[in-house]
């Protein structure tokens, strides 16, 4: 019996492609970090937060804190990260143990 040749196309060589490298993205700007105290719990896991200087802002809980079910209540001392572009909204990244 004669062997049949496969009908699959020929394999391409494993040489490096001549595609250009993807463009390099500029580094992200570092967040501004502050210590704060939780003032009031708001709907949708948002909190009114008071910074050390008396400035008030709205902050939400970071995903890792939600994942590990870290509870935040009014009066807790926390660490907040703010974007340099919007200083009225923040992300709660750490709750200090008191």
PDB file of N, CA and C in Angstrom:
ATOM      1  N   UNK A   1       0.816  -1.175   0.000  1.00  0.00           N
ATOM      2  CA  UNK A   1       0.000   0.000   0.000  1.00  0.00           C
ATOM      3  C   UNK A   1       0.869   1.252   0.000  1.00  0.00           C
ATOM      4  N   UNK A   2       0.523   2.125  -0.818  1.00  0.00           N
ATOM      5  CA  UNK A   2       1.313   3.348  -0.921  1.00  0.00           C
ATOM      6  C   UNK A   2       0.853   4.343   0.136  1.00  0.00           C
ATOM      7  N   UNK A   3       1.819   5.092   0.682  1.00  0.00           N
ATOM      8  CA  UNK A   3       1.483   6.096   1.700  1.00  0.00           C
ATOM      9  C   UNK A   3       0.964   7.334   1.002  1.00  0.00           C
ATOM     10  N   UNK A   4      -0.044   7.883   1.571  1.00  0.00           N
ATOM     11  CA  UNK A   4      -0.573   9.126   1.035  1.00  0.00           C
ATOM     12  C   UNK A   4       0.116  10.301   1.699  1.00  0.00           C
ATOM     13  N   UNK A   5       0.316  11.326   0.975  1.00  0.00           N
ATOM     14  CA  UNK A   5       0.880  12.529   1.552  1.00  0.00           C
ATOM     15  C   UNK A   5      -0.233  13.308   2.231  1.00  0.00           C
ATOM     16  N   UNK A   6       0.129  14.001   3.286  1.00  0.00           N
ATOM     17  CA  UNK A   6      -0.904  14.759   3.990  1.00  0.00           C
ATOM     18  C   UNK A   6      -1.342  15.937   3.135  1.00  0.00           C
ATOM     19  N   UNK A   7      -2.561  16.342   3.366  1.00  0.00           N
ATOM     20  CA  UNK A   7      -3.092  17.480   2.617  1.00  0.00           C
ATOM     21  C   UNK A   7      -2.865  18.791   3.361  1.00  0.00           C
ATOM     22  N   UNK A   8      -2.185  18.725   4.502  1.00  0.00           N
ATOM     23  CA  UNK A   8      -1.921  19.938   5.270  1.00  0.00           C
ATOM     24  C   UNK A   8      -0.882  20.789   4.551  1.00  0.00           C
ATOM     25  N   UNK A   9      -0.975  22.124   4.702  1.00  0.00           N
ATOM     26  CA  UNK A   9       0.035  22.980   4.064  1.00  0.00           C
ATOM     27  C   UNK A   9       1.402  22.793   4.717  1.00  0.00           C
ATOM     28  N   UNK A  10       2.396  23.215   4.012  1.00  0.00           N
ATOM     29  CA  UNK A  10       3.747  23.095   4.547  1.00  0.00           C
ATOM     30  C   UNK A  10       3.894  23.939   5.795  1.00  0.00           C
ATOM     31  N   UNK A  11       4.746  23.478   6.683  1.00  0.00           N
ATOM     32  CA  UNK A  11       5.019  24.246   7.905  1.00  0.00           C
ATOM     33  C   UNK A  11       5.901  25.426   7.582  1.00  0.00           C
ATOM     34  N   UNK A  12       5.649  26.519   8.277  1.00  0.00           N
ATOM     35  CA  UNK A  12       6.506  27.689   8.095  1.00  0.00           C
ATOM     36  C   UNK A  12       7.767  27.525   8.913  1.00  0.00           C
ATOM     37  N   UNK A  13       8.796  28.167   8.468  1.00  0.00           N
ATOM     38  CA  UNK A  13      10.032  28.096   9.227  1.00  0.00           C
ATOM     39  C   UNK A  13       9.880  28.866  10.533  1.00  0.00           C
ATOM     40  N   UNK A  14      10.681  28.561  11.490  1.00  0.00           N
ATOM     41  CA  UNK A  14      10.584  29.164  12.809  1.00  0.00           C
ATOM     42  C   UNK A  14      11.504  30.365  12.963  1.00  0.00           C
ATOM     43  N   UNK A  15      11.766  31.047  11.863  1.00  0.00           N
ATOM     44  CA  UNK A  15      12.603  32.240  11.927  1.00  0.00           C
ATOM     45  C   UNK A  15      11.857  33.358  12.608  1.00  0.00           C
ATOM     46  N   UNK A  16      12.609  34.318  13.082  1.00  0.00           N
ATOM     47  CA  UNK A  16      11.991  35.493  13.685  1.00  0.00           C
ATOM     48  C   UNK A  16      11.236  36.271  12.627  1.00  0.00           C
ATOM     49  N   UNK A  17      10.103  36.768  13.022  1.00  0.00           N
ATOM     50  CA  UNK A  17       9.314  37.525  12.053  1.00  0.00           C
ATOM     51  C   UNK A  17       9.915  38.916  11.869  1.00  0.00           C
ATOM     52  N   UNK A  18       9.543  39.534  10.797  1.00  0.00           N
ATOM     53  CA  UNK A  18      10.071  40.864  10.515  1.00  0.00           C
ATOM     54  C   UNK A  18       9.125  41.957  11.021  1.00  0.00           C
ATOM     55  N   UNK A  19       8.245  41.594  11.971  1.00  0.00           N
ATOM     56  CA  UNK A  19       7.332  42.591  12.528  1.00  0.00           C
ATOM     57  C   UNK A  19       8.093  43.565  13.416  1.00  0.00           C
ATOM     58  N   UNK A  20       7.694  44.813  13.403  1.00  0.00           N
ATOM     59  CA  UNK A  20       8.362  45.775  14.292  1.00  0.00           C
ATOM     60  C   UNK A  20       7.967  45.523  15.752  1.00  0.00           C
ATOM     61  N   UNK A  21       8.848  45.875  16.643  1.00  0.00           N
ATOM     62  CA  UNK A  21       8.583  45.694  18.067  1.00  0.00           C
ATOM     63  C   UNK A  21       7.449  46.626  18.495  1.00  0.00           C
ATOM     64  N   UNK A  22       6.633  46.202  19.474  1.00  0.00           N
ATOM     65  CA  UNK A  22       5.545  47.077  19.929  1.00  0.00           C
ATOM     66  C   UNK A  22       6.118  48.351  20.556  1.00  0.00           C
ATOM     67  N   UNK A  23       5.405  49.457  20.433  1.00  0.00           N
ATOM     68  CA  UNK A  23       5.934  50.708  20.996  1.00  0.00           C
ATOM     69  C   UNK A  23       6.029  50.635  22.512  1.00  0.00           C
ATOM     70  N   UNK A  24       7.036  51.257  23.055  1.00  0.00           N
ATOM     71  CA  UNK A  24       7.253  51.259  24.493  1.00  0.00           C
ATOM     72  C   UNK A  24       6.365  52.329  25.122  1.00  0.00           C
ATOM     73  N   UNK A  25       5.565  51.915  26.134  1.00  0.00           N
ATOM     74  CA  UNK A  25       4.679  52.870  26.792  1.00  0.00           C
ATOM     75  C   UNK A  25       5.454  53.641  27.851  1.00  0.00           C
ATOM     76  N   UNK A  26       5.159  54.905  28.024  1.00  0.00           N
ATOM     77  CA  UNK A  26       5.845  55.657  29.074  1.00  0.00           C
ATOM     78  C   UNK A  26       5.415  55.165  30.455  1.00  0.00           C
ATOM     79  N   UNK A  27       6.297  55.349  31.420  1.00  0.00           N
ATOM     80  CA  UNK A  27       6.000  54.901  32.781  1.00  0.00           C
ATOM     81  C   UNK A  27       4.804  55.656  33.333  1.00  0.00           C
ATOM     82  N   UNK A  28       4.012  54.955  34.156  1.00  0.00           N
ATOM     83  CA  UNK A  28       2.871  55.599  34.796  1.00  0.00           C
ATOM     84  C   UNK A  28       3.382  56.536  35.880  1.00  0.00           C
ATOM     85  N   UNK A  29       2.614  57.576  36.128  1.00  0.00           N
ATOM     86  CA  UNK A  29       2.993  58.473  37.206  1.00  0.00           C
ATOM     87  C   UNK A  29       2.652  57.823  38.536  1.00  0.00           C
ATOM     88  N   UNK A  30       3.519  57.982  39.503  1.00  0.00           N
ATOM     89  CA  UNK A  30       3.331  57.358  40.807  1.00  0.00           C
ATOM     90  C   UNK A  30       2.169  58.020  41.544  1.00  0.00           C
ATOM     91  N   UNK A  31       1.376  57.230  42.262  1.00  0.00           N
ATOM     92  CA  UNK A  31       0.274  57.826  43.018  1.00  0.00           C
ATOM     93  C   UNK A  31       0.794  58.601  44.225  1.00  0.00           C
ATOM     94  N   UNK A  32      -0.018  59.545  44.689  1.00  0.00           N
ATOM     95  CA  UNK A  32       0.303  60.318  45.882  1.00  0.00           C
ATOM     96  C   UNK A  32      -0.306  59.572  47.061  1.00  0.00           C
ATOM     97  N   UNK A  33       0.482  59.263  48.086  1.00  0.00           N
ATOM     98  CA  UNK A  33       0.030  58.449  49.210  1.00  0.00           C
ATOM     99  C   UNK A  33      -0.136  59.315  50.452  1.00  0.00           C
ATOM    100  N   UNK A  34      -1.291  59.164  51.131  1.00  0.00           N
ATOM    101  CA  UNK A  34      -1.577  59.903  52.364  1.00  0.00           C
ATOM    102  C   UNK A  34      -2.146  58.951  53.410  1.00  0.00           C
ATOM    103  N   UNK A  35      -1.967  59.297  54.675  1.00  0.00           N
ATOM    104  CA  UNK A  35      -2.672  58.631  55.761  1.00  0.00           C
ATOM    105  C   UNK A  35      -3.923  59.435  56.050  1.00  0.00           C
ATOM    106  N   UNK A  36      -5.015  58.741  56.378  1.00  0.00           N
ATOM    107  CA  UNK A  36      -6.291  59.423  56.559  1.00  0.00           C
ATOM    108  C   UNK A  36      -7.139  58.672  57.572  1.00  0.00           C
ATOM    109  N   UNK A  37      -8.292  59.250  57.897  1.00  0.00           N
ATOM    110  CA  UNK A  37      -9.258  58.645  58.801  1.00  0.00           C
ATOM    111  C   UNK A  37     -10.594  58.574  58.073  1.00  0.00           C
ATOM    112  N   UNK A  38     -11.271  57.428  58.186  1.00  0.00           N
ATOM    113  CA  UNK A  38     -12.566  57.255  57.544  1.00  0.00           C
ATOM    114  C   UNK A  38     -13.603  58.039  58.333  1.00  0.00           C
ATOM    115  N   UNK A  39     -14.349  58.896  57.636  1.00  0.00           N
ATOM    116  CA  UNK A  39     -15.358  59.709  58.296  1.00  0.00           C
ATOM    117  C   UNK A  39     -16.737  59.088  58.226  1.00  0.00           C
ATOM    118  N   UNK A  40     -17.160  58.659  57.039  1.00  0.00           N
ATOM    119  CA  UNK A  40     -18.511  58.188  56.851  1.00  0.00           C
ATOM    120  C   UNK A  40     -18.532  57.123  55.763  1.00  0.00           C
ATOM    121  N   UNK A  41     -19.355  56.085  55.960  1.00  0.00           N
ATOM    122  CA  UNK A  41     -19.534  55.053  54.937  1.00  0.00           C
ATOM    123  C   UNK A  41     -20.642  55.487  53.986  1.00  0.00           C
ATOM    124  N   UNK A  42     -20.377  55.410  52.696  1.00  0.00           N
ATOM    125  CA  UNK A  42     -21.332  55.797  51.665  1.00  0.00           C
ATOM    126  C   UNK A  42     -21.752  54.551  50.879  1.00  0.00           C
ATOM    127  N   UNK A  43     -22.797  54.644  50.055  1.00  0.00           N
ATOM    128  CA  UNK A  43     -23.199  53.478  49.250  1.00  0.00           C
ATOM    129  C   UNK A  43     -22.106  53.048  48.273  1.00  0.00           C
ATOM    130  N   UNK A  44     -22.238  51.811  47.792  1.00  0.00           N
ATOM    131  CA  UNK A  44     -21.327  51.222  46.801  1.00  0.00           C
ATOM    132  C   UNK A  44     -19.888  51.153  47.289  1.00  0.00           C
ATOM    133  N   UNK A  45     -19.693  50.805  48.544  1.00  0.00           N
ATOM    134  CA  UNK A  45     -18.368  50.608  49.134  1.00  0.00           C
ATOM    135  C   UNK A  45     -17.488  51.842  48.937  1.00  0.00           C
ATOM    136  N   UNK A  46     -18.084  53.002  49.095  1.00  0.00           N
ATOM    137  CA  UNK A  46     -17.343  54.260  49.033  1.00  0.00           C
ATOM    138  C   UNK A  46     -17.300  54.839  50.444  1.00  0.00           C
ATOM    139  N   UNK A  47     -16.285  55.657  50.697  1.00  0.00           N
ATOM    140  CA  UNK A  47     -16.113  56.245  52.019  1.00  0.00           C
ATOM    141  C   UNK A  47     -15.738  57.707  51.889  1.00  0.00           C
ATOM    142  N   UNK A  48     -16.227  58.501  52.844  1.00  0.00           N
ATOM    143  CA  UNK A  48     -15.771  59.883  52.958  1.00  0.00           C
ATOM    144  C   UNK A  48     -14.554  59.842  53.863  1.00  0.00           C
ATOM    145  N   UNK A  49     -13.457  60.382  53.383  1.00  0.00           N
ATOM    146  CA  UNK A  49     -12.167  60.263  54.060  1.00  0.00           C
ATOM    147  C   UNK A  49     -11.637  61.654  54.362  1.00  0.00           C
ATOM    148  N   UNK A  50     -11.069  61.819  55.553  1.00  0.00           N
ATOM    149  CA  UNK A  50     -10.448  63.088  55.937  1.00  0.00           C
ATOM    150  C   UNK A  50      -8.938  62.900  56.022  1.00  0.00           C
ATOM    151  N   UNK A  51      -8.209  63.668  55.225  1.00  0.00           N
ATOM    152  CA  UNK A  51      -6.750  63.603  55.265  1.00  0.00           C
ATOM    153  C   UNK A  51      -6.231  64.337  56.495  1.00  0.00           C
ATOM    154  N   UNK A  52      -4.939  64.198  56.752  1.00  0.00           N
ATOM    155  CA  UNK A  52      -4.339  64.819  57.935  1.00  0.00           C
ATOM    156  C   UNK A  52      -4.498  66.331  57.932  1.00  0.00           C
ATOM    157  N   UNK A  53      -4.459  66.956  56.772  1.00  0.00           N
ATOM    158  CA  UNK A  53      -4.557  68.405  56.675  1.00  0.00           C
ATOM    159  C   UNK A  53      -5.977  68.938  56.743  1.00  0.00           C
ATOM    160  N   UNK A  54      -6.973  68.061  56.885  1.00  0.00           N
ATOM    161  CA  UNK A  54      -8.351  68.495  56.963  1.00  0.00           C
ATOM    162  C   UNK A  54      -9.096  68.421  55.644  1.00  0.00           C
ATOM    163  N   UNK A  55      -8.427  68.043  54.567  1.00  0.00           N
ATOM    164  CA  UNK A  55      -9.063  67.938  53.255  1.00  0.00           C
ATOM    165  C   UNK A  55      -9.952  66.693  53.213  1.00  0.00           C
ATOM    166  N   UNK A  56     -11.187  66.827  52.687  1.00  0.00           N
ATOM    167  CA  UNK A  56     -12.104  65.694  52.576  1.00  0.00           C
ATOM    168  C   UNK A  56     -12.147  65.214  51.136  1.00  0.00           C
ATOM    169  N   UNK A  57     -12.278  63.893  50.963  1.00  0.00           N
ATOM    170  CA  UNK A  57     -12.411  63.324  49.634  1.00  0.00           C
ATOM    171  C   UNK A  57     -13.187  62.017  49.708  1.00  0.00           C
ATOM    172  N   UNK A  58     -13.548  61.505  48.554  1.00  0.00           N
ATOM    173  CA  UNK A  58     -14.253  60.231  48.437  1.00  0.00           C
ATOM    174  C   UNK A  58     -13.238  59.168  48.049  1.00  0.00           C
ATOM    175  N   UNK A  59     -13.307  57.997  48.703  1.00  0.00           N
ATOM    176  CA  UNK A  59     -12.361  56.920  48.395  1.00  0.00           C
ATOM    177  C   UNK A  59     -13.105  55.598  48.291  1.00  0.00           C
ATOM    178  N   UNK A  60     -12.586  54.720  47.452  1.00  0.00           N
ATOM    179  CA  UNK A  60     -13.147  53.379  47.321  1.00  0.00           C
ATOM    180  C   UNK A  60     -12.113  52.362  47.771  1.00  0.00           C
ATOM    181  N   UNK A  61     -12.571  51.148  48.029  1.00  0.00           N
ATOM    182  CA  UNK A  61     -11.692  50.102  48.541  1.00  0.00           C
ATOM    183  C   UNK A  61     -10.985  49.419  47.371  1.00  0.00           C
ATOM    184  N   UNK A  62      -9.681  49.220  47.492  1.00  0.00           N
ATOM    185  CA  UNK A  62      -8.904  48.569  46.441  1.00  0.00           C
ATOM    186  C   UNK A  62      -9.346  47.120  46.282  1.00  0.00           C
ATOM    187  N   UNK A  63      -9.136  46.585  45.086  1.00  0.00           N
ATOM    188  CA  UNK A  63      -9.584  45.234  44.776  1.00  0.00           C
ATOM    189  C   UNK A  63      -8.975  44.167  45.656  1.00  0.00           C
ATOM    190  N   UNK A  64      -7.720  44.316  46.025  1.00  0.00           N
ATOM    191  CA  UNK A  64      -7.077  43.306  46.873  1.00  0.00           C
ATOM    192  C   UNK A  64      -7.703  43.288  48.263  1.00  0.00           C
ATOM    193  N   UNK A  65      -8.106  44.467  48.751  1.00  0.00           N
ATOM    194  CA  UNK A  65      -8.761  44.510  50.056  1.00  0.00           C
ATOM    195  C   UNK A  65     -10.155  43.891  49.982  1.00  0.00           C
ATOM    196  N   UNK A  66     -10.844  44.075  48.859  1.00  0.00           N
ATOM    197  CA  UNK A  66     -12.144  43.406  48.679  1.00  0.00           C
ATOM    198  C   UNK A  66     -11.954  41.899  48.611  1.00  0.00           C
ATOM    199  N   UNK A  67     -10.923  41.492  47.904  1.00  0.00           N
ATOM    200  CA  UNK A  67     -10.670  40.059  47.728  1.00  0.00           C
ATOM    201  C   UNK A  67     -10.456  39.361  49.058  1.00  0.00           C
ATOM    202  N   UNK A  68      -9.712  39.973  49.955  1.00  0.00           N
ATOM    203  CA  UNK A  68      -9.428  39.368  51.255  1.00  0.00           C
ATOM    204  C   UNK A  68     -10.413  39.810  52.334  1.00  0.00           C
ATOM    205  N   UNK A  69     -11.500  40.473  51.923  1.00  0.00           N
ATOM    206  CA  UNK A  69     -12.612  40.867  52.790  1.00  0.00           C
ATOM    207  C   UNK A  69     -12.151  41.641  54.017  1.00  0.00           C
ATOM    208  N   UNK A  70     -11.343  42.657  53.794  1.00  0.00           N
ATOM    209  CA  UNK A  70     -10.894  43.518  54.884  1.00  0.00           C
ATOM    210  C   UNK A  70     -11.971  44.559  55.121  1.00  0.00           C
ATOM    211  N   UNK A  71     -12.511  44.574  56.317  1.00  0.00           N
ATOM    212  CA  UNK A  71     -13.613  45.467  56.660  1.00  0.00           C
ATOM    213  C   UNK A  71     -13.085  46.847  57.021  1.00  0.00           C
ATOM    214  N   UNK A  72     -13.808  47.866  56.590  1.00  0.00           N
ATOM    215  CA  UNK A  72     -13.461  49.242  56.926  1.00  0.00           C
ATOM    216  C   UNK A  72     -14.688  49.879  57.554  1.00  0.00           C
ATOM    217  N   UNK A  73     -14.497  50.494  58.714  1.00  0.00           N
ATOM    218  CA  UNK A  73     -15.595  51.148  59.416  1.00  0.00           C
ATOM    219  C   UNK A  73     -15.208  52.594  59.711  1.00  0.00           C
ATOM    220  N   UNK A  74     -16.181  53.466  59.924  1.00  0.00           N
ATOM    221  CA  UNK A  74     -15.857  54.859  60.267  1.00  0.00           C
ATOM    222  C   UNK A  74     -14.967  54.927  61.509  1.00  0.00           C
ATOM    223  N   UNK A  75     -13.940  55.773  61.427  1.00  0.00           N
ATOM    224  CA  UNK A  75     -12.988  55.923  62.515  1.00  0.00           C
ATOM    225  C   UNK A  75     -11.686  55.180  62.291  1.00  0.00           C
ATOM    226  N   UNK A  76     -11.624  54.309  61.296  1.00  0.00           N
ATOM    227  CA  UNK A  76     -10.400  53.554  61.014  1.00  0.00           C
ATOM    228  C   UNK A  76      -9.332  54.468  60.415  1.00  0.00           C
ATOM    229  N   UNK A  77      -8.070  54.195  60.771  1.00  0.00           N
ATOM    230  CA  UNK A  77      -6.944  54.869  60.132  1.00  0.00           C
ATOM    231  C   UNK A  77      -6.568  54.055  58.908  1.00  0.00           C
ATOM    232  N   UNK A  78      -6.403  54.731  57.765  1.00  0.00           N
ATOM    233  CA  UNK A  78      -6.141  54.046  56.503  1.00  0.00           C
ATOM    234  C   UNK A  78      -5.038  54.751  55.727  1.00  0.00           C
ATOM    235  N   UNK A  79      -4.551  54.074  54.692  1.00  0.00           N
ATOM    236  CA  UNK A  79      -3.626  54.669  53.736  1.00  0.00           C
ATOM    237  C   UNK A  79      -4.378  54.817  52.414  1.00  0.00           C
ATOM    238  N   UNK A  80      -4.320  56.016  51.842  1.00  0.00           N
ATOM    239  CA  UNK A  80      -5.061  56.329  50.627  1.00  0.00           C
ATOM    240  C   UNK A  80      -4.078  56.708  49.526  1.00  0.00           C
ATOM    241  N   UNK A  81      -4.308  56.186  48.311  1.00  0.00           N
ATOM    242  CA  UNK A  81      -3.533  56.583  47.139  1.00  0.00           C
ATOM    243  C   UNK A  81      -4.395  57.499  46.285  1.00  0.00           C
ATOM    244  N   UNK A  82      -3.831  58.613  45.867  1.00  0.00           N
ATOM    245  CA  UNK A  82      -4.536  59.555  45.008  1.00  0.00           C
ATOM    246  C   UNK A  82      -3.804  59.657  43.678  1.00  0.00           C
ATOM    247  N   UNK A  83      -4.570  59.783  42.618  1.00  0.00           N
ATOM    248  CA  UNK A  83      -3.977  60.012  41.310  1.00  0.00           C
ATOM    249  C   UNK A  83      -3.530  61.469  41.241  1.00  0.00           C
ATOM    250  N   UNK A  84      -2.397  61.755  40.622  1.00  0.00           N
ATOM    251  CA  UNK A  84      -1.984  63.151  40.509  1.00  0.00           C
ATOM    252  C   UNK A  84      -2.926  63.973  39.620  1.00  0.00           C
ATOM    253  N   UNK A  85      -3.812  63.299  38.876  1.00  0.00           N
ATOM    254  CA  UNK A  85      -4.737  63.996  37.992  1.00  0.00           C
ATOM    255  C   UNK A  85      -6.052  64.368  38.666  1.00  0.00           C
ATOM    256  N   UNK A  86      -6.478  63.593  39.673  1.00  0.00           N
ATOM    257  CA  UNK A  86      -7.746  63.857  40.347  1.00  0.00           C
ATOM    258  C   UNK A  86      -7.526  63.701  41.849  1.00  0.00           C
ATOM    259  N   UNK A  87      -7.396  64.808  42.544  1.00  0.00           N
ATOM    260  CA  UNK A  87      -7.100  64.767  43.972  1.00  0.00           C
ATOM    261  C   UNK A  87      -8.356  64.723  44.837  1.00  0.00           C
ATOM    262  N   UNK A  88      -9.536  64.535  44.233  1.00  0.00           N
ATOM    263  CA  UNK A  88     -10.774  64.441  45.003  1.00  0.00           C
ATOM    264  C   UNK A  88     -11.280  63.008  45.134  1.00  0.00           C
ATOM    265  N   UNK A  89     -10.638  62.066  44.471  1.00  0.00           N
ATOM    266  CA  UNK A  89     -11.020  60.655  44.572  1.00  0.00           C
ATOM    267  C   UNK A  89      -9.778  59.845  44.891  1.00  0.00           C
ATOM    268  N   UNK A  90      -9.944  58.851  45.751  1.00  0.00           N
ATOM    269  CA  UNK A  90      -8.798  58.058  46.142  1.00  0.00           C
ATOM    270  C   UNK A  90      -9.124  56.581  46.219  1.00  0.00           C
ATOM    271  N   UNK A  91      -8.079  55.782  46.430  1.00  0.00           N
ATOM    272  CA  UNK A  91      -8.209  54.336  46.570  1.00  0.00           C
ATOM    273  C   UNK A  91      -7.618  53.941  47.918  1.00  0.00           C
ATOM    274  N   UNK A  92      -8.408  53.260  48.733  1.00  0.00           N
ATOM    275  CA  UNK A  92      -7.946  52.800  50.037  1.00  0.00           C
ATOM    276  C   UNK A  92      -7.136  51.530  49.821  1.00  0.00           C
ATOM    277  N   UNK A  93      -5.871  51.558  50.206  1.00  0.00           N
ATOM    278  CA  UNK A  93      -4.993  50.424  49.939  1.00  0.00           C
ATOM    279  C   UNK A  93      -4.533  49.691  51.202  1.00  0.00           C
ATOM    280  N   UNK A  94      -4.754  50.292  52.380  1.00  0.00           N
ATOM    281  CA  UNK A  94      -4.290  49.660  53.618  1.00  0.00           C
ATOM    282  C   UNK A  94      -5.085  50.184  54.796  1.00  0.00           C
ATOM    283  N   UNK A  95      -5.434  49.279  55.721  1.00  0.00           N
ATOM    284  CA  UNK A  95      -6.089  49.687  56.981  1.00  0.00           C
ATOM    285  C   UNK A  95      -5.123  49.378  58.108  1.00  0.00           C
ATOM    286  N   UNK A  96      -4.776  50.408  58.869  1.00  0.00           N
ATOM    287  CA  UNK A  96      -3.845  50.217  59.978  1.00  0.00           C
ATOM    288  C   UNK A  96      -4.519  49.462  61.109  1.00  0.00           C
ATOM    289  N   UNK A  97      -3.750  48.623  61.778  1.00  0.00           N
ATOM    290  CA  UNK A  97      -4.269  47.873  62.926  1.00  0.00           C
ATOM    291  C   UNK A  97      -4.089  48.710  64.173  1.00  0.00           C
ATOM    292  N   UNK A  98      -5.188  49.065  64.774  1.00  0.00           N
ATOM    293  CA  UNK A  98      -5.107  49.894  66.000  1.00  0.00           C
ATOM    294  C   UNK A  98      -5.439  49.103  67.233  1.00  0.00           C
TER     295      UNK A  98
END
